[in-house]
Structure formats: C-alpha cells, structure tokens
N, C-alpha and C. Protein backbone atom coordinates (compact mmCIF):
# COMPACT_ATOMS: atom_id res chain seq x y z
N MET A 1 -35.36 32.58 -53.29
CA MET A 1 -35.51 32.82 -51.88
C MET A 1 -34.16 33.28 -51.32
N ASN A 2 -34.16 34.35 -50.56
CA ASN A 2 -32.90 34.78 -49.97
C ASN A 2 -32.64 34.01 -48.68
N SER A 3 -31.44 34.19 -48.13
CA SER A 3 -31.05 33.39 -46.97
C SER A 3 -31.89 33.70 -45.74
N ASN A 4 -32.37 34.93 -45.60
CA ASN A 4 -33.20 35.29 -44.45
C ASN A 4 -34.53 34.55 -44.51
N THR A 5 -35.13 34.49 -45.68
CA THR A 5 -36.39 33.78 -45.85
C THR A 5 -36.20 32.29 -45.63
N SER A 6 -35.10 31.74 -46.14
CA SER A 6 -34.80 30.32 -45.94
C SER A 6 -34.64 30.02 -44.47
N SER A 7 -34.01 30.93 -43.74
CA SER A 7 -33.79 30.73 -42.31
C SER A 7 -35.13 30.72 -41.57
N ILE A 8 -36.02 31.61 -41.94
CA ILE A 8 -37.33 31.67 -41.29
C ILE A 8 -38.13 30.40 -41.58
N VAL A 9 -38.13 29.97 -42.84
CA VAL A 9 -38.86 28.76 -43.22
C VAL A 9 -38.25 27.54 -42.52
N GLY A 10 -36.92 27.46 -42.47
CA GLY A 10 -36.26 26.36 -41.79
C GLY A 10 -36.59 26.32 -40.32
N GLY A 11 -36.61 27.48 -39.69
CA GLY A 11 -36.97 27.55 -38.27
C GLY A 11 -38.40 27.13 -38.03
N PHE A 12 -39.30 27.55 -38.92
CA PHE A 12 -40.70 27.18 -38.80
C PHE A 12 -40.88 25.67 -38.92
N LEU A 13 -40.24 25.08 -39.93
CA LEU A 13 -40.34 23.63 -40.12
C LEU A 13 -39.73 22.87 -38.95
N ALA A 14 -38.60 23.36 -38.43
CA ALA A 14 -37.99 22.72 -37.27
C ALA A 14 -38.94 22.79 -36.08
N GLY A 15 -39.62 23.90 -35.91
CA GLY A 15 -40.59 24.05 -34.83
C GLY A 15 -41.73 23.07 -34.95
N ILE A 16 -42.20 22.86 -36.18
CA ILE A 16 -43.29 21.90 -36.41
C ILE A 16 -42.84 20.49 -36.04
N VAL A 17 -41.63 20.12 -36.47
CA VAL A 17 -41.12 18.77 -36.18
C VAL A 17 -40.92 18.58 -34.68
N ILE A 18 -40.29 19.55 -34.03
CA ILE A 18 -40.06 19.45 -32.58
C ILE A 18 -41.38 19.39 -31.83
N GLY A 19 -42.34 20.22 -32.24
CA GLY A 19 -43.66 20.19 -31.61
C GLY A 19 -44.35 18.85 -31.78
N GLY A 20 -44.20 18.26 -32.96
CA GLY A 20 -44.80 16.94 -33.20
C GLY A 20 -44.20 15.87 -32.31
N VAL A 21 -42.88 15.90 -32.16
CA VAL A 21 -42.20 14.91 -31.31
C VAL A 21 -42.64 15.08 -29.86
N ILE A 22 -42.68 16.32 -29.38
CA ILE A 22 -43.10 16.57 -28.00
C ILE A 22 -44.56 16.14 -27.81
N GLY A 23 -45.41 16.45 -28.77
CA GLY A 23 -46.82 16.06 -28.68
C GLY A 23 -46.98 14.56 -28.63
N ALA A 24 -46.22 13.84 -29.44
CA ALA A 24 -46.30 12.37 -29.44
C ALA A 24 -45.85 11.81 -28.10
N ALA A 25 -44.79 12.38 -27.53
CA ALA A 25 -44.30 11.90 -26.23
C ALA A 25 -45.33 12.14 -25.14
N VAL A 26 -45.94 13.31 -25.14
CA VAL A 26 -46.96 13.62 -24.13
C VAL A 26 -48.17 12.70 -24.31
N ALA A 27 -48.58 12.47 -25.55
CA ALA A 27 -49.72 11.60 -25.81
C ALA A 27 -49.44 10.19 -25.31
N LEU A 28 -48.22 9.71 -25.51
CA LEU A 28 -47.86 8.37 -25.05
C LEU A 28 -47.94 8.29 -23.52
N LEU A 29 -47.45 9.32 -22.86
CA LEU A 29 -47.45 9.31 -21.40
C LEU A 29 -48.85 9.48 -20.80
N LEU A 30 -49.71 10.22 -21.48
CA LEU A 30 -51.02 10.51 -20.93
C LEU A 30 -52.14 9.62 -21.49
N ALA A 31 -51.81 8.74 -22.42
CA ALA A 31 -52.83 7.88 -23.02
C ALA A 31 -53.41 6.95 -21.96
N PRO A 32 -54.71 6.74 -22.03
CA PRO A 32 -55.33 5.84 -21.05
C PRO A 32 -54.96 4.39 -21.33
N GLN A 33 -54.05 3.89 -20.54
CA GLN A 33 -53.64 2.49 -20.67
C GLN A 33 -53.22 2.00 -19.29
N SER A 34 -53.13 0.72 -19.17
CA SER A 34 -52.80 0.16 -17.87
C SER A 34 -51.33 0.40 -17.55
N GLY A 35 -51.01 0.32 -16.29
CA GLY A 35 -49.62 0.46 -15.87
C GLY A 35 -48.75 -0.62 -16.48
N GLU A 36 -49.31 -1.80 -16.64
CA GLU A 36 -48.56 -2.91 -17.23
C GLU A 36 -48.19 -2.60 -18.68
N GLU A 37 -49.13 -2.03 -19.43
CA GLU A 37 -48.83 -1.65 -20.82
C GLU A 37 -47.75 -0.59 -20.88
N THR A 38 -47.85 0.39 -20.00
CA THR A 38 -46.85 1.46 -19.97
C THR A 38 -45.48 0.89 -19.63
N ARG A 39 -45.42 0.00 -18.64
CA ARG A 39 -44.14 -0.62 -18.27
C ARG A 39 -43.57 -1.42 -19.43
N ARG A 40 -44.44 -2.12 -20.15
CA ARG A 40 -43.99 -2.88 -21.32
C ARG A 40 -43.39 -1.96 -22.39
N GLN A 41 -44.05 -0.83 -22.63
CA GLN A 41 -43.55 0.13 -23.61
C GLN A 41 -42.21 0.69 -23.18
N ILE A 42 -42.09 1.04 -21.90
CA ILE A 42 -40.84 1.58 -21.38
C ILE A 42 -39.74 0.52 -21.48
N GLU A 43 -40.07 -0.72 -21.13
CA GLU A 43 -39.09 -1.80 -21.22
C GLU A 43 -38.64 -2.02 -22.66
N SER A 44 -39.57 -1.97 -23.58
CA SER A 44 -39.26 -2.15 -25.00
C SER A 44 -38.33 -1.04 -25.49
N LYS A 45 -38.64 0.20 -25.12
CA LYS A 45 -37.79 1.33 -25.52
C LYS A 45 -36.41 1.21 -24.90
N ALA A 46 -36.35 0.78 -23.64
CA ALA A 46 -35.07 0.62 -22.97
C ALA A 46 -34.22 -0.43 -23.68
N GLU A 47 -34.84 -1.55 -24.08
CA GLU A 47 -34.12 -2.59 -24.82
C GLU A 47 -33.59 -2.05 -26.13
N GLU A 48 -34.43 -1.27 -26.82
CA GLU A 48 -34.02 -0.69 -28.10
C GLU A 48 -32.82 0.25 -27.91
N LEU A 49 -32.91 1.11 -26.89
CA LEU A 49 -31.82 2.04 -26.63
C LEU A 49 -30.55 1.31 -26.18
N ARG A 50 -30.70 0.25 -25.40
CA ARG A 50 -29.55 -0.55 -24.97
C ARG A 50 -28.86 -1.16 -26.19
N GLY A 51 -29.66 -1.68 -27.11
CA GLY A 51 -29.09 -2.25 -28.33
C GLY A 51 -28.33 -1.22 -29.15
N ARG A 52 -28.90 -0.04 -29.27
CA ARG A 52 -28.21 1.04 -30.00
C ARG A 52 -26.90 1.41 -29.31
N ALA A 53 -26.96 1.51 -27.99
CA ALA A 53 -25.75 1.87 -27.23
C ALA A 53 -24.67 0.82 -27.41
N GLU A 54 -25.06 -0.45 -27.41
CA GLU A 54 -24.07 -1.52 -27.60
C GLU A 54 -23.44 -1.44 -28.99
N LEU A 55 -24.25 -1.16 -30.01
CA LEU A 55 -23.71 -1.02 -31.37
C LEU A 55 -22.76 0.17 -31.46
N LEU A 56 -23.15 1.28 -30.85
CA LEU A 56 -22.28 2.46 -30.87
C LEU A 56 -20.98 2.21 -30.12
N ALA A 57 -21.08 1.51 -28.99
CA ALA A 57 -19.87 1.21 -28.22
C ALA A 57 -18.94 0.29 -29.00
N GLU A 58 -19.51 -0.70 -29.68
CA GLU A 58 -18.69 -1.62 -30.48
C GLU A 58 -18.02 -0.87 -31.64
N ASP A 59 -18.78 0.01 -32.28
CA ASP A 59 -18.21 0.80 -33.38
C ASP A 59 -17.08 1.69 -32.86
N ALA A 60 -17.30 2.33 -31.72
CA ALA A 60 -16.26 3.19 -31.14
C ALA A 60 -15.02 2.37 -30.78
N ARG A 61 -15.23 1.17 -30.22
CA ARG A 61 -14.10 0.31 -29.86
C ARG A 61 -13.28 -0.05 -31.10
N LYS A 62 -13.97 -0.40 -32.19
CA LYS A 62 -13.27 -0.75 -33.42
C LYS A 62 -12.49 0.44 -33.98
N ARG A 63 -13.08 1.61 -33.91
CA ARG A 63 -12.39 2.81 -34.40
C ARG A 63 -11.15 3.13 -33.57
N VAL A 64 -11.29 2.98 -32.25
CA VAL A 64 -10.14 3.24 -31.37
C VAL A 64 -9.04 2.23 -31.64
N GLU A 65 -9.40 0.97 -31.81
CA GLU A 65 -8.39 -0.06 -32.12
C GLU A 65 -7.68 0.25 -33.43
N ALA A 66 -8.44 0.64 -34.45
CA ALA A 66 -7.84 0.96 -35.74
C ALA A 66 -6.92 2.17 -35.63
N ALA A 67 -7.36 3.18 -34.90
CA ALA A 67 -6.54 4.38 -34.74
C ALA A 67 -5.28 4.08 -33.95
N SER A 68 -5.40 3.26 -32.91
CA SER A 68 -4.23 2.94 -32.10
C SER A 68 -3.24 2.10 -32.91
N GLU A 69 -3.75 1.19 -33.73
CA GLU A 69 -2.88 0.38 -34.59
C GLU A 69 -2.15 1.27 -35.59
N ASP A 70 -2.87 2.21 -36.18
CA ASP A 70 -2.26 3.15 -37.12
C ASP A 70 -1.18 3.98 -36.43
N LEU A 71 -1.49 4.46 -35.26
CA LEU A 71 -0.52 5.26 -34.50
C LEU A 71 0.70 4.41 -34.13
N ARG A 72 0.47 3.17 -33.71
CA ARG A 72 1.58 2.28 -33.37
C ARG A 72 2.50 2.07 -34.56
N LYS A 73 1.91 1.86 -35.72
CA LYS A 73 2.71 1.67 -36.94
C LYS A 73 3.51 2.92 -37.27
N ARG A 74 2.92 4.08 -37.08
CA ARG A 74 3.63 5.32 -37.36
C ARG A 74 4.81 5.53 -36.40
N VAL A 75 4.59 5.17 -35.13
CA VAL A 75 5.65 5.35 -34.13
C VAL A 75 6.78 4.36 -34.36
N GLU A 76 6.44 3.12 -34.72
CA GLU A 76 7.46 2.10 -34.93
C GLU A 76 8.22 2.28 -36.22
N LYS A 77 7.67 2.99 -37.18
CA LYS A 77 8.31 3.19 -38.47
C LYS A 77 9.58 4.02 -38.28
N PRO A 78 10.74 3.52 -38.79
CA PRO A 78 11.99 4.27 -38.63
C PRO A 78 11.94 5.58 -39.42
N ALA A 79 12.52 6.60 -38.84
CA ALA A 79 12.49 7.94 -39.46
C ALA A 79 13.48 8.09 -40.56
C-alpha cells in the first residue's frame, strides 16, 4: 500500500470512529429517560472527569517539583 492509500484508509477509519463517538453522545442525550437519570449520569461523568483532572494536576505538580529541584542543583553547582 502506498502512502496515499494509507492516508485515505486512515482518514476513513478516523471518520468512522469520530462518527461513532458523536452518535453515542447524541443517543445518550436523546434517550428516553427521566431527568433524574440524566442528572445522575452527568454527575457521574463530572466526578470521573474531576478525578482525572486531580490525577493530572498531581502528576504535573510532581514533574514541576522535580524539574525545579534539578534546575536548583544545576544553578548551585560551582562552575
């Protein structure tokens, strides 16, 4: 397969995946369910996203601390 064909196939597959995600989101929003169920789903997703954000923030904090410690050691090291 040449690169042009690979690009077309990759684009097609990406379109299928993106379409599937959009379709699932629309189905979730339009599914016949009570407002309470929808609020519960939204709350659950919000909790999940909050947890991910906290993990990412903690990871970023640790990386910044490590980088700043490394930089401090480099600056303090006599030339």
